[in-house]
Amino acid sequence: MRIWSDSFEHRGPIPAEFAAGGPEGFAGNRNPHLAWEAVPEGTRSFALVCIDPDAPTVPETVGRDDLQIPVEQPRGDFVHWAVVDLPADLRVIAAGSCSEGVTAHGKQAPAGPTGARQGLNDYTGWFAGNADMQGDYLGYDGPYPPFNDLRVHRYFFRLFALDTDRLEVPERFTAADVFAALHGHVLAEATVHGTYTLNPALAG
């Protein structure tokens, strides 16, 4: 199975229109185009996740003008998208078809392929306690790495072909729920990733 995007080159930079944040604040936040082929026989649905494995783990270093987050700071995962029950005959997700612009308090009924269910992304936790933004962030919300991070962030779009029509996840599910439910159902996996940074020293 192979997955690709017409919105960015594999391992290349993701354009700002597909990011939640840009140099001047919120950006286009459109989901990128994704397409796939060579699907294994017996596929009954797909699951899709987008994860940034380069998120800083020391919150007090984020967004500060007086320091740069060092490359060697330990990193964690930040989930940008989790989708299950994508139809077995689906081969393309069009750019902007699932997300267009940043929605304060999160998208409550995100657009997407018919029959698919979209889970919570990690902006749910990031904006918790922020009266202007807090809420359940469902569906796709794109890159917004700290401007003072010396590491270029990577965004992995991982597609799983499954032998089941419906993945057993809670109604209010996360990527962790998806990974737990995948066990024993994966026929194939394909991955494409792009990069993004808001650090002026790296973006040039």
N, C-alpha and C. Protein backbone atom coordinates (compact mmCIF):
# COMPACT_ATOMS: atom_id res chain seq x y z
N MET A 1 0.86 -1.19 0.00
CA MET A 1 0.00 0.00 0.00
C MET A 1 0.89 1.24 0.00
N ARG A 2 0.48 2.25 -0.74
CA ARG A 2 1.25 3.49 -0.84
C ARG A 2 0.34 4.68 -0.62
N ILE A 3 0.82 5.67 0.13
CA ILE A 3 0.08 6.90 0.36
C ILE A 3 0.95 8.08 -0.05
N TRP A 4 0.32 9.12 -0.59
CA TRP A 4 1.05 10.32 -0.97
C TRP A 4 0.13 11.53 -0.84
N SER A 5 0.73 12.70 -1.00
CA SER A 5 -0.02 13.95 -0.95
C SER A 5 0.40 14.85 -2.09
N ASP A 6 -0.59 15.47 -2.73
CA ASP A 6 -0.30 16.50 -3.73
C ASP A 6 -0.08 17.85 -3.06
N SER A 7 -0.30 17.94 -1.76
CA SER A 7 -0.16 19.21 -1.03
C SER A 7 1.26 19.47 -0.57
N PHE A 8 2.06 18.41 -0.42
CA PHE A 8 3.47 18.55 -0.04
C PHE A 8 4.23 17.32 -0.51
N GLU A 9 5.52 17.48 -0.70
CA GLU A 9 6.36 16.36 -1.07
C GLU A 9 6.72 15.55 0.17
N HIS A 10 6.85 14.24 0.00
CA HIS A 10 7.26 13.39 1.10
C HIS A 10 8.58 13.89 1.67
N ARG A 11 8.60 14.13 2.97
CA ARG A 11 9.76 14.65 3.71
C ARG A 11 10.05 16.12 3.40
N GLY A 12 9.16 16.76 2.64
CA GLY A 12 9.35 18.16 2.32
C GLY A 12 8.49 19.06 3.19
N PRO A 13 8.65 20.38 3.06
CA PRO A 13 7.89 21.32 3.90
C PRO A 13 6.40 21.33 3.56
N ILE A 14 5.58 21.43 4.60
CA ILE A 14 4.14 21.56 4.45
C ILE A 14 3.80 23.05 4.30
N PRO A 15 3.07 23.45 3.26
CA PRO A 15 2.70 24.86 3.10
C PRO A 15 1.84 25.35 4.26
N ALA A 16 1.94 26.65 4.55
CA ALA A 16 1.23 27.24 5.69
C ALA A 16 -0.28 27.10 5.60
N GLU A 17 -0.82 26.97 4.38
CA GLU A 17 -2.28 26.84 4.26
C GLU A 17 -2.80 25.57 4.93
N PHE A 18 -1.91 24.59 5.13
CA PHE A 18 -2.31 23.35 5.77
C PHE A 18 -1.88 23.28 7.23
N ALA A 19 -1.42 24.41 7.76
CA ALA A 19 -1.01 24.52 9.16
C ALA A 19 -2.04 25.33 9.94
N ALA A 20 -2.11 25.08 11.24
CA ALA A 20 -2.99 25.88 12.09
C ALA A 20 -2.38 27.23 12.42
N GLY A 21 -1.04 27.28 12.43
CA GLY A 21 -0.36 28.51 12.80
C GLY A 21 0.68 28.94 11.78
N GLY A 22 0.79 30.25 11.60
CA GLY A 22 1.81 30.82 10.73
C GLY A 22 2.57 31.90 11.46
N PRO A 23 3.46 32.60 10.77
CA PRO A 23 4.26 33.65 11.41
C PRO A 23 3.43 34.76 12.04
N GLU A 24 2.24 35.01 11.52
CA GLU A 24 1.40 36.11 12.01
C GLU A 24 0.26 35.64 12.90
N GLY A 25 0.25 34.36 13.26
CA GLY A 25 -0.85 33.83 14.08
C GLY A 25 -1.52 32.66 13.39
N PHE A 26 -2.83 32.54 13.55
CA PHE A 26 -3.53 31.41 12.94
C PHE A 26 -3.39 31.44 11.42
N ALA A 27 -3.32 30.26 10.83
CA ALA A 27 -3.14 30.12 9.39
C ALA A 27 -4.35 29.41 8.78
N GLY A 28 -4.18 28.89 7.55
CA GLY A 28 -5.30 28.34 6.79
C GLY A 28 -5.97 27.13 7.40
N ASN A 29 -5.16 26.27 8.04
CA ASN A 29 -5.68 25.08 8.74
C ASN A 29 -6.54 24.20 7.85
N ARG A 30 -6.18 24.09 6.58
CA ARG A 30 -6.86 23.17 5.68
C ARG A 30 -6.19 21.80 5.80
N ASN A 31 -6.98 20.75 5.75
CA ASN A 31 -6.35 19.43 5.70
C ASN A 31 -5.69 19.25 4.34
N PRO A 32 -4.54 18.60 4.28
CA PRO A 32 -3.88 18.38 2.99
C PRO A 32 -4.56 17.29 2.18
N HIS A 33 -4.30 17.29 0.89
CA HIS A 33 -4.73 16.21 0.02
C HIS A 33 -3.97 14.94 0.40
N LEU A 34 -4.67 13.83 0.45
CA LEU A 34 -4.06 12.52 0.66
C LEU A 34 -4.70 11.54 -0.31
N ALA A 35 -3.88 10.64 -0.87
CA ALA A 35 -4.39 9.61 -1.76
C ALA A 35 -3.58 8.34 -1.54
N TRP A 36 -4.18 7.20 -1.86
CA TRP A 36 -3.48 5.93 -1.65
C TRP A 36 -3.90 4.90 -2.69
N GLU A 37 -3.07 3.87 -2.82
CA GLU A 37 -3.32 2.83 -3.81
C GLU A 37 -2.68 1.52 -3.32
N ALA A 38 -2.82 0.47 -4.15
CA ALA A 38 -2.28 -0.86 -3.83
C ALA A 38 -2.82 -1.36 -2.49
N VAL A 39 -4.12 -1.23 -2.33
CA VAL A 39 -4.80 -1.64 -1.09
C VAL A 39 -4.89 -3.17 -1.06
N PRO A 40 -4.59 -3.79 0.07
CA PRO A 40 -4.63 -5.25 0.13
C PRO A 40 -6.05 -5.82 0.02
N GLU A 41 -6.15 -7.01 -0.55
CA GLU A 41 -7.43 -7.70 -0.65
C GLU A 41 -7.97 -7.97 0.76
N GLY A 42 -9.25 -7.82 0.92
CA GLY A 42 -9.87 -8.04 2.22
C GLY A 42 -10.01 -6.80 3.06
N THR A 43 -9.55 -5.65 2.55
CA THR A 43 -9.69 -4.40 3.29
C THR A 43 -11.16 -4.01 3.41
N ARG A 44 -11.60 -3.74 4.62
CA ARG A 44 -13.00 -3.39 4.86
C ARG A 44 -13.18 -1.95 5.37
N SER A 45 -12.07 -1.33 5.82
CA SER A 45 -12.08 0.08 6.21
C SER A 45 -10.65 0.53 6.39
N PHE A 46 -10.50 1.83 6.61
CA PHE A 46 -9.19 2.41 6.89
C PHE A 46 -9.26 3.24 8.17
N ALA A 47 -8.11 3.36 8.82
CA ALA A 47 -7.94 4.31 9.92
C ALA A 47 -6.77 5.22 9.55
N LEU A 48 -6.85 6.47 9.96
CA LEU A 48 -5.82 7.45 9.63
C LEU A 48 -5.48 8.26 10.87
N VAL A 49 -4.19 8.45 11.11
CA VAL A 49 -3.75 9.35 12.18
C VAL A 49 -2.66 10.26 11.65
N CYS A 50 -2.58 11.47 12.20
CA CYS A 50 -1.47 12.38 11.92
C CYS A 50 -0.85 12.77 13.24
N ILE A 51 0.46 12.50 13.37
CA ILE A 51 1.15 12.73 14.64
C ILE A 51 2.47 13.46 14.40
N ASP A 52 2.71 14.45 15.23
CA ASP A 52 4.00 15.15 15.31
C ASP A 52 4.77 14.54 16.48
N PRO A 53 5.88 13.82 16.23
CA PRO A 53 6.63 13.22 17.33
C PRO A 53 7.67 14.15 17.94
N ASP A 54 7.66 15.43 17.52
CA ASP A 54 8.71 16.37 17.92
C ASP A 54 8.22 17.45 18.87
N ALA A 55 7.09 17.22 19.54
CA ALA A 55 6.54 18.22 20.45
C ALA A 55 7.40 18.37 21.69
N PRO A 56 7.71 19.60 22.10
CA PRO A 56 8.50 19.80 23.32
C PRO A 56 7.79 19.23 24.55
N THR A 57 8.57 18.83 25.52
CA THR A 57 7.99 18.22 26.73
C THR A 57 8.17 19.11 27.96
N VAL A 58 8.73 20.30 27.78
CA VAL A 58 8.88 21.24 28.89
C VAL A 58 8.03 22.47 28.55
N PRO A 59 6.77 22.51 29.01
CA PRO A 59 5.83 23.55 28.59
C PRO A 59 6.32 24.98 28.83
N GLU A 60 7.06 25.17 29.90
CA GLU A 60 7.48 26.54 30.23
C GLU A 60 8.52 27.09 29.27
N THR A 61 9.04 26.27 28.36
CA THR A 61 10.00 26.77 27.36
C THR A 61 9.31 27.20 26.07
N VAL A 62 8.03 26.92 25.95
CA VAL A 62 7.32 27.16 24.70
C VAL A 62 6.92 28.62 24.55
N GLY A 63 7.19 29.17 23.36
CA GLY A 63 6.72 30.51 23.02
C GLY A 63 7.41 31.65 23.75
N ARG A 64 8.66 31.45 24.13
CA ARG A 64 9.40 32.49 24.85
C ARG A 64 10.39 33.19 23.93
N ASP A 65 10.43 34.52 24.04
CA ASP A 65 11.37 35.31 23.23
C ASP A 65 12.79 35.26 23.77
N ASP A 66 12.94 34.86 25.04
CA ASP A 66 14.25 34.94 25.67
C ASP A 66 15.04 33.64 25.60
N LEU A 67 14.50 32.62 24.94
CA LEU A 67 15.26 31.37 24.80
C LEU A 67 14.78 30.58 23.60
N GLN A 68 15.65 29.69 23.14
CA GLN A 68 15.34 28.77 22.06
C GLN A 68 15.22 27.36 22.65
N ILE A 69 14.22 26.63 22.24
CA ILE A 69 14.07 25.25 22.72
C ILE A 69 15.14 24.41 22.05
N PRO A 70 16.03 23.79 22.83
CA PRO A 70 17.14 23.05 22.22
C PRO A 70 16.66 21.80 21.49
N VAL A 71 17.37 21.43 20.44
CA VAL A 71 17.03 20.24 19.66
C VAL A 71 17.01 19.01 20.55
N GLU A 72 17.93 18.97 21.53
CA GLU A 72 18.07 17.76 22.35
C GLU A 72 17.04 17.65 23.47
N GLN A 73 16.15 18.66 23.63
CA GLN A 73 15.11 18.52 24.65
C GLN A 73 14.27 17.26 24.32
N PRO A 74 13.96 16.43 25.33
CA PRO A 74 13.12 15.25 25.08
C PRO A 74 11.79 15.66 24.43
N ARG A 75 11.34 14.82 23.52
CA ARG A 75 10.14 15.13 22.75
C ARG A 75 9.04 14.10 22.98
N GLY A 76 7.81 14.53 22.69
CA GLY A 76 6.66 13.65 22.81
C GLY A 76 5.78 13.78 21.58
N ASP A 77 4.73 12.97 21.53
CA ASP A 77 3.80 12.98 20.41
C ASP A 77 2.72 14.04 20.60
N PHE A 78 2.34 14.68 19.51
CA PHE A 78 1.20 15.60 19.49
C PHE A 78 0.31 15.16 18.34
N VAL A 79 -0.90 14.77 18.65
CA VAL A 79 -1.82 14.23 17.66
C VAL A 79 -2.58 15.36 16.97
N HIS A 80 -2.57 15.35 15.63
CA HIS A 80 -3.28 16.36 14.86
C HIS A 80 -4.54 15.84 14.18
N TRP A 81 -4.68 14.51 14.11
CA TRP A 81 -5.85 13.95 13.42
C TRP A 81 -5.96 12.49 13.77
N ALA A 82 -7.18 12.03 14.00
CA ALA A 82 -7.45 10.61 14.21
C ALA A 82 -8.82 10.31 13.60
N VAL A 83 -8.83 9.42 12.61
CA VAL A 83 -10.06 9.09 11.88
C VAL A 83 -10.18 7.57 11.77
N VAL A 84 -11.37 7.05 11.98
CA VAL A 84 -11.62 5.62 11.80
C VAL A 84 -12.84 5.43 10.90
N ASP A 85 -13.01 4.19 10.46
CA ASP A 85 -14.14 3.79 9.63
C ASP A 85 -14.19 4.51 8.29
N LEU A 86 -13.02 4.87 7.76
CA LEU A 86 -12.98 5.38 6.39
C LEU A 86 -13.39 4.24 5.46
N PRO A 87 -14.28 4.50 4.50
CA PRO A 87 -14.81 3.42 3.66
C PRO A 87 -13.74 2.68 2.87
N ALA A 88 -13.98 1.39 2.64
CA ALA A 88 -13.00 0.54 1.97
C ALA A 88 -12.73 0.97 0.53
N ASP A 89 -13.70 1.64 -0.11
CA ASP A 89 -13.51 2.05 -1.49
C ASP A 89 -12.93 3.46 -1.62
N LEU A 90 -12.66 4.11 -0.49
CA LEU A 90 -12.11 5.46 -0.52
C LEU A 90 -10.63 5.42 -0.93
N ARG A 91 -10.23 6.33 -1.81
CA ARG A 91 -8.83 6.40 -2.23
C ARG A 91 -8.26 7.81 -2.16
N VAL A 92 -9.11 8.82 -1.95
CA VAL A 92 -8.65 10.21 -1.93
C VAL A 92 -9.40 11.00 -0.86
N ILE A 93 -8.66 11.82 -0.12
CA ILE A 93 -9.24 12.86 0.73
C ILE A 93 -8.78 14.19 0.14
N ALA A 94 -9.71 14.97 -0.36
CA ALA A 94 -9.37 16.21 -1.05
C ALA A 94 -8.87 17.27 -0.06
N ALA A 95 -7.98 18.11 -0.51
CA ALA A 95 -7.46 19.21 0.31
C ALA A 95 -8.62 20.12 0.73
N GLY A 96 -8.68 20.43 2.01
CA GLY A 96 -9.69 21.34 2.52
C GLY A 96 -11.06 20.73 2.69
N SER A 97 -11.22 19.42 2.43
CA SER A 97 -12.54 18.80 2.51
C SER A 97 -12.95 18.46 3.94
N CYS A 98 -11.98 18.44 4.87
CA CYS A 98 -12.28 18.08 6.26
C CYS A 98 -12.00 19.22 7.23
N SER A 99 -11.27 20.22 6.79
CA SER A 99 -10.95 21.36 7.66
C SER A 99 -10.61 22.57 6.81
N GLU A 100 -11.14 23.71 7.23
CA GLU A 100 -10.89 24.98 6.54
C GLU A 100 -10.94 26.08 7.59
N GLY A 101 -9.77 26.56 8.01
CA GLY A 101 -9.70 27.60 9.02
C GLY A 101 -9.73 27.05 10.44
N VAL A 102 -9.27 27.86 11.38
CA VAL A 102 -9.26 27.47 12.79
C VAL A 102 -10.61 27.80 13.41
N THR A 103 -11.19 26.84 14.11
CA THR A 103 -12.48 27.02 14.78
C THR A 103 -12.25 27.10 16.28
N ALA A 104 -12.51 28.28 16.87
CA ALA A 104 -12.38 28.43 18.31
C ALA A 104 -13.27 27.42 19.03
N HIS A 105 -12.74 26.80 20.06
CA HIS A 105 -13.43 25.78 20.85
C HIS A 105 -13.56 24.44 20.10
N GLY A 106 -12.98 24.35 18.91
CA GLY A 106 -12.93 23.09 18.17
C GLY A 106 -14.13 22.85 17.27
N LYS A 107 -13.89 22.07 16.23
CA LYS A 107 -14.98 21.67 15.32
C LYS A 107 -15.82 20.60 16.02
N GLN A 108 -17.10 20.84 16.18
CA GLN A 108 -17.95 19.87 16.87
C GLN A 108 -18.51 18.81 15.93
N ALA A 109 -18.60 19.13 14.65
CA ALA A 109 -19.07 18.16 13.66
C ALA A 109 -18.21 18.32 12.41
N PRO A 110 -16.95 17.90 12.49
CA PRO A 110 -16.03 18.12 11.37
C PRO A 110 -16.49 17.40 10.10
N ALA A 111 -16.30 18.04 8.97
CA ALA A 111 -16.61 17.42 7.69
C ALA A 111 -15.66 16.25 7.45
N GLY A 112 -16.07 15.35 6.58
CA GLY A 112 -15.21 14.23 6.27
C GLY A 112 -15.93 13.20 5.44
N PRO A 113 -15.23 12.16 5.02
CA PRO A 113 -15.85 11.12 4.20
C PRO A 113 -17.07 10.50 4.90
N THR A 114 -18.08 10.19 4.12
CA THR A 114 -19.31 9.60 4.65
C THR A 114 -19.03 8.32 5.42
N GLY A 115 -19.56 8.25 6.63
CA GLY A 115 -19.40 7.07 7.45
C GLY A 115 -18.21 7.09 8.38
N ALA A 116 -17.27 7.96 8.12
CA ALA A 116 -16.06 8.03 8.96
C ALA A 116 -16.37 8.72 10.28
N ARG A 117 -15.64 8.34 11.31
CA ARG A 117 -15.73 8.98 12.62
C ARG A 117 -14.39 9.63 12.93
N GLN A 118 -14.43 10.87 13.43
CA GLN A 118 -13.20 11.61 13.72
C GLN A 118 -13.06 11.84 15.22
N GLY A 119 -11.86 11.58 15.72
CA GLY A 119 -11.61 11.67 17.15
C GLY A 119 -11.03 13.00 17.58
N LEU A 120 -10.69 13.06 18.86
CA LEU A 120 -10.10 14.26 19.44
C LEU A 120 -8.63 14.37 19.07
N ASN A 121 -8.20 15.58 18.75
CA ASN A 121 -6.77 15.81 18.58
C ASN A 121 -6.22 16.50 19.84
N ASP A 122 -4.91 16.70 19.88
CA ASP A 122 -4.29 17.16 21.13
C ASP A 122 -4.40 18.65 21.40
N TYR A 123 -5.03 19.40 20.49
CA TYR A 123 -5.35 20.79 20.84
C TYR A 123 -6.40 20.83 21.95
N THR A 124 -7.13 19.74 22.11
CA THR A 124 -8.10 19.65 23.20
C THR A 124 -7.43 19.89 24.55
N GLY A 125 -6.29 19.23 24.74
CA GLY A 125 -5.53 19.41 25.98
C GLY A 125 -4.73 20.70 26.00
N TRP A 126 -4.19 21.07 24.84
CA TRP A 126 -3.34 22.26 24.77
C TRP A 126 -4.11 23.53 25.14
N PHE A 127 -5.37 23.62 24.68
CA PHE A 127 -6.16 24.83 24.94
C PHE A 127 -7.01 24.74 26.21
N ALA A 128 -6.93 23.64 26.93
CA ALA A 128 -7.69 23.51 28.17
C ALA A 128 -7.29 24.63 29.12
N GLY A 129 -8.26 25.31 29.69
CA GLY A 129 -7.98 26.42 30.59
C GLY A 129 -7.91 27.76 29.91
N ASN A 130 -7.95 27.78 28.56
CA ASN A 130 -7.96 29.03 27.81
C ASN A 130 -9.42 29.34 27.45
N ALA A 131 -9.99 30.34 28.11
CA ALA A 131 -11.42 30.62 27.96
C ALA A 131 -11.80 30.93 26.52
N ASP A 132 -10.89 31.51 25.76
CA ASP A 132 -11.19 31.87 24.38
C ASP A 132 -11.14 30.70 23.42
N MET A 133 -10.41 29.64 23.79
CA MET A 133 -10.16 28.55 22.85
C MET A 133 -10.53 27.15 23.34
N GLN A 134 -10.71 26.97 24.64
CA GLN A 134 -10.90 25.61 25.18
C GLN A 134 -12.12 24.92 24.60
N GLY A 135 -12.02 23.60 24.47
CA GLY A 135 -13.13 22.81 23.94
C GLY A 135 -12.63 21.48 23.42
N ASP A 136 -13.53 20.72 22.83
CA ASP A 136 -13.18 19.44 22.21
C ASP A 136 -12.79 19.70 20.76
N TYR A 137 -11.54 19.44 20.45
CA TYR A 137 -11.03 19.65 19.09
C TYR A 137 -11.09 18.32 18.34
N LEU A 138 -12.12 18.19 17.52
CA LEU A 138 -12.35 16.99 16.72
C LEU A 138 -11.84 17.20 15.30
N GLY A 139 -11.41 16.11 14.67
CA GLY A 139 -10.97 16.19 13.29
C GLY A 139 -9.56 16.74 13.16
N TYR A 140 -9.30 17.34 12.01
CA TYR A 140 -7.95 17.82 11.68
C TYR A 140 -7.74 19.25 12.17
N ASP A 141 -6.65 19.46 12.88
CA ASP A 141 -6.12 20.79 13.15
C ASP A 141 -4.62 20.69 12.95
N GLY A 142 -4.08 21.53 12.10
CA GLY A 142 -2.73 21.33 11.58
C GLY A 142 -1.59 21.83 12.46
N PRO A 143 -0.39 21.84 11.87
CA PRO A 143 0.82 22.20 12.61
C PRO A 143 0.79 23.62 13.17
N TYR A 144 1.32 23.76 14.38
CA TYR A 144 1.53 25.07 15.00
C TYR A 144 2.67 24.93 16.00
N PRO A 145 3.88 24.60 15.52
CA PRO A 145 5.01 24.39 16.44
C PRO A 145 5.49 25.71 17.04
N PRO A 146 6.14 25.67 18.18
CA PRO A 146 6.63 26.91 18.80
C PRO A 146 7.63 27.64 17.90
N PHE A 147 7.49 28.95 17.83
CA PHE A 147 8.39 29.74 16.99
C PHE A 147 9.82 29.72 17.51
N ASN A 148 10.00 29.35 18.79
CA ASN A 148 11.34 29.36 19.38
C ASN A 148 11.94 27.95 19.47
N ASP A 149 11.41 27.03 18.68
CA ASP A 149 11.93 25.65 18.69
C ASP A 149 13.02 25.50 17.64
N LEU A 150 14.16 24.99 18.04
CA LEU A 150 15.28 24.78 17.13
C LEU A 150 15.17 23.47 16.35
N ARG A 151 14.15 22.69 16.63
CA ARG A 151 13.93 21.45 15.89
C ARG A 151 12.83 21.67 14.85
N VAL A 152 13.08 21.24 13.63
CA VAL A 152 12.04 21.24 12.60
C VAL A 152 11.11 20.07 12.89
N HIS A 153 9.82 20.34 13.00
CA HIS A 153 8.86 19.30 13.36
C HIS A 153 8.46 18.48 12.13
N ARG A 154 8.20 17.20 12.37
CA ARG A 154 7.75 16.27 11.33
C ARG A 154 6.30 15.87 11.62
N TYR A 155 5.54 15.69 10.55
CA TYR A 155 4.12 15.35 10.67
C TYR A 155 3.85 14.10 9.84
N PHE A 156 3.59 12.99 10.55
CA PHE A 156 3.42 11.69 9.92
C PHE A 156 1.94 11.38 9.75
N PHE A 157 1.54 11.16 8.50
CA PHE A 157 0.19 10.72 8.17
C PHE A 157 0.26 9.21 7.96
N ARG A 158 -0.31 8.47 8.91
CA ARG A 158 -0.23 7.01 8.90
C ARG A 158 -1.60 6.43 8.56
N LEU A 159 -1.65 5.64 7.50
CA LEU A 159 -2.89 5.04 7.04
C LEU A 159 -2.83 3.53 7.27
N PHE A 160 -3.89 2.98 7.85
CA PHE A 160 -3.97 1.56 8.14
C PHE A 160 -5.14 0.94 7.38
N ALA A 161 -4.88 -0.12 6.62
CA ALA A 161 -5.93 -0.91 5.99
C ALA A 161 -6.36 -1.99 6.98
N LEU A 162 -7.66 -2.08 7.23
CA LEU A 162 -8.17 -2.95 8.29
C LEU A 162 -9.13 -4.01 7.75
N ASP A 163 -9.23 -5.10 8.50
CA ASP A 163 -10.12 -6.21 8.11
C ASP A 163 -11.48 -6.11 8.78
N THR A 164 -11.82 -4.94 9.29
CA THR A 164 -13.10 -4.75 9.97
C THR A 164 -13.79 -3.48 9.45
N ASP A 165 -15.12 -3.50 9.40
CA ASP A 165 -15.88 -2.34 8.92
C ASP A 165 -15.90 -1.21 9.95
N ARG A 166 -15.89 -1.59 11.23
CA ARG A 166 -16.04 -0.59 12.29
C ARG A 166 -15.04 -0.89 13.40
N LEU A 167 -14.22 0.08 13.71
CA LEU A 167 -13.23 -0.08 14.76
C LEU A 167 -13.87 0.19 16.12
N GLU A 168 -13.56 -0.65 17.08
CA GLU A 168 -14.18 -0.53 18.40
C GLU A 168 -13.44 0.51 19.25
N VAL A 169 -13.87 1.74 19.14
CA VAL A 169 -13.31 2.83 19.93
C VAL A 169 -14.45 3.55 20.64
N PRO A 170 -14.15 4.26 21.74
CA PRO A 170 -15.21 5.01 22.43
C PRO A 170 -15.79 6.12 21.55
N GLU A 171 -16.94 6.62 21.93
CA GLU A 171 -17.55 7.71 21.16
C GLU A 171 -16.63 8.92 21.13
N ARG A 172 -16.02 9.24 22.24
CA ARG A 172 -15.10 10.38 22.34
C ARG A 172 -13.67 9.80 22.37
N PHE A 173 -13.18 9.41 21.19
CA PHE A 173 -11.94 8.66 21.14
C PHE A 173 -10.73 9.52 20.80
N THR A 174 -9.56 8.98 21.11
CA THR A 174 -8.27 9.62 20.84
C THR A 174 -7.44 8.69 19.96
N ALA A 175 -6.29 9.17 19.53
CA ALA A 175 -5.38 8.32 18.75
C ALA A 175 -4.94 7.11 19.56
N ALA A 176 -4.77 7.29 20.86
CA ALA A 176 -4.38 6.16 21.71
C ALA A 176 -5.45 5.07 21.66
N ASP A 177 -6.72 5.45 21.65
CA ASP A 177 -7.81 4.48 21.52
C ASP A 177 -7.74 3.76 20.18
N VAL A 178 -7.41 4.52 19.13
CA VAL A 178 -7.29 3.92 17.80
C VAL A 178 -6.19 2.87 17.78
N PHE A 179 -5.02 3.22 18.29
CA PHE A 179 -3.90 2.27 18.28
C PHE A 179 -4.23 1.02 19.08
N ALA A 180 -4.93 1.18 20.20
CA ALA A 180 -5.30 0.01 21.01
C ALA A 180 -6.27 -0.89 20.25
N ALA A 181 -7.19 -0.27 19.50
CA ALA A 181 -8.21 -1.04 18.80
C ALA A 181 -7.69 -1.69 17.51
N LEU A 182 -6.56 -1.19 17.00
CA LEU A 182 -6.01 -1.71 15.74
C LEU A 182 -5.49 -3.13 15.86
N HIS A 183 -5.07 -3.53 17.04
CA HIS A 183 -4.40 -4.82 17.21
C HIS A 183 -5.22 -5.97 16.65
N GLY A 184 -4.59 -6.74 15.78
CA GLY A 184 -5.24 -7.89 15.18
C GLY A 184 -6.07 -7.59 13.96
N HIS A 185 -6.13 -6.31 13.55
CA HIS A 185 -6.96 -5.93 12.41
C HIS A 185 -6.19 -5.31 11.25
N VAL A 186 -4.90 -5.06 11.38
CA VAL A 186 -4.13 -4.33 10.37
C VAL A 186 -3.66 -5.27 9.26
N LEU A 187 -4.07 -4.97 8.02
CA LEU A 187 -3.63 -5.72 6.85
C LEU A 187 -2.41 -5.08 6.20
N ALA A 188 -2.32 -3.74 6.31
CA ALA A 188 -1.19 -3.01 5.74
C ALA A 188 -1.15 -1.62 6.33
N GLU A 189 0.02 -1.00 6.27
CA GLU A 189 0.19 0.38 6.73
C GLU A 189 1.04 1.13 5.71
N ALA A 190 0.72 2.41 5.50
CA ALA A 190 1.52 3.28 4.64
C ALA A 190 1.64 4.63 5.32
N THR A 191 2.78 5.29 5.11
CA THR A 191 3.05 6.55 5.80
C THR A 191 3.65 7.56 4.83
N VAL A 192 3.22 8.81 4.96
CA VAL A 192 3.86 9.93 4.29
C VAL A 192 4.05 11.02 5.33
N HIS A 193 5.18 11.75 5.26
CA HIS A 193 5.34 12.82 6.24
C HIS A 193 5.93 14.07 5.61
N GLY A 194 5.54 15.20 6.21
CA GLY A 194 6.07 16.49 5.82
C GLY A 194 6.63 17.20 7.03
N THR A 195 7.24 18.35 6.82
CA THR A 195 7.88 19.10 7.90
C THR A 195 7.30 20.51 7.98
N TYR A 196 7.48 21.13 9.17
CA TYR A 196 7.00 22.49 9.35
C TYR A 196 7.75 23.13 10.50
N THR A 197 8.08 24.40 10.35
CA THR A 197 8.71 25.17 11.41
C THR A 197 8.25 26.61 11.33
N LEU A 198 8.18 27.27 12.48
CA LEU A 198 7.90 28.70 12.54
C LEU A 198 9.10 29.48 13.08
N ASN A 199 10.22 28.78 13.26
CA ASN A 199 11.43 29.44 13.73
C ASN A 199 12.07 30.17 12.56
N PRO A 200 12.16 31.51 12.60
CA PRO A 200 12.71 32.26 11.48
C PRO A 200 14.12 31.81 11.08
N ALA A 201 14.88 31.34 12.05
CA ALA A 201 16.25 30.90 11.75
C ALA A 201 16.28 29.62 10.92
N LEU A 202 15.18 28.86 10.97
CA LEU A 202 15.12 27.59 10.25
C LEU A 202 14.27 27.66 8.99
N ALA A 203 13.33 28.59 8.98
CA ALA A 203 12.36 28.64 7.89
C ALA A 203 12.94 29.24 6.61
N GLY A 204 14.04 29.98 6.72
CA GLY A 204 14.61 30.65 5.58
C GLY A 204 14.96 29.73 4.45
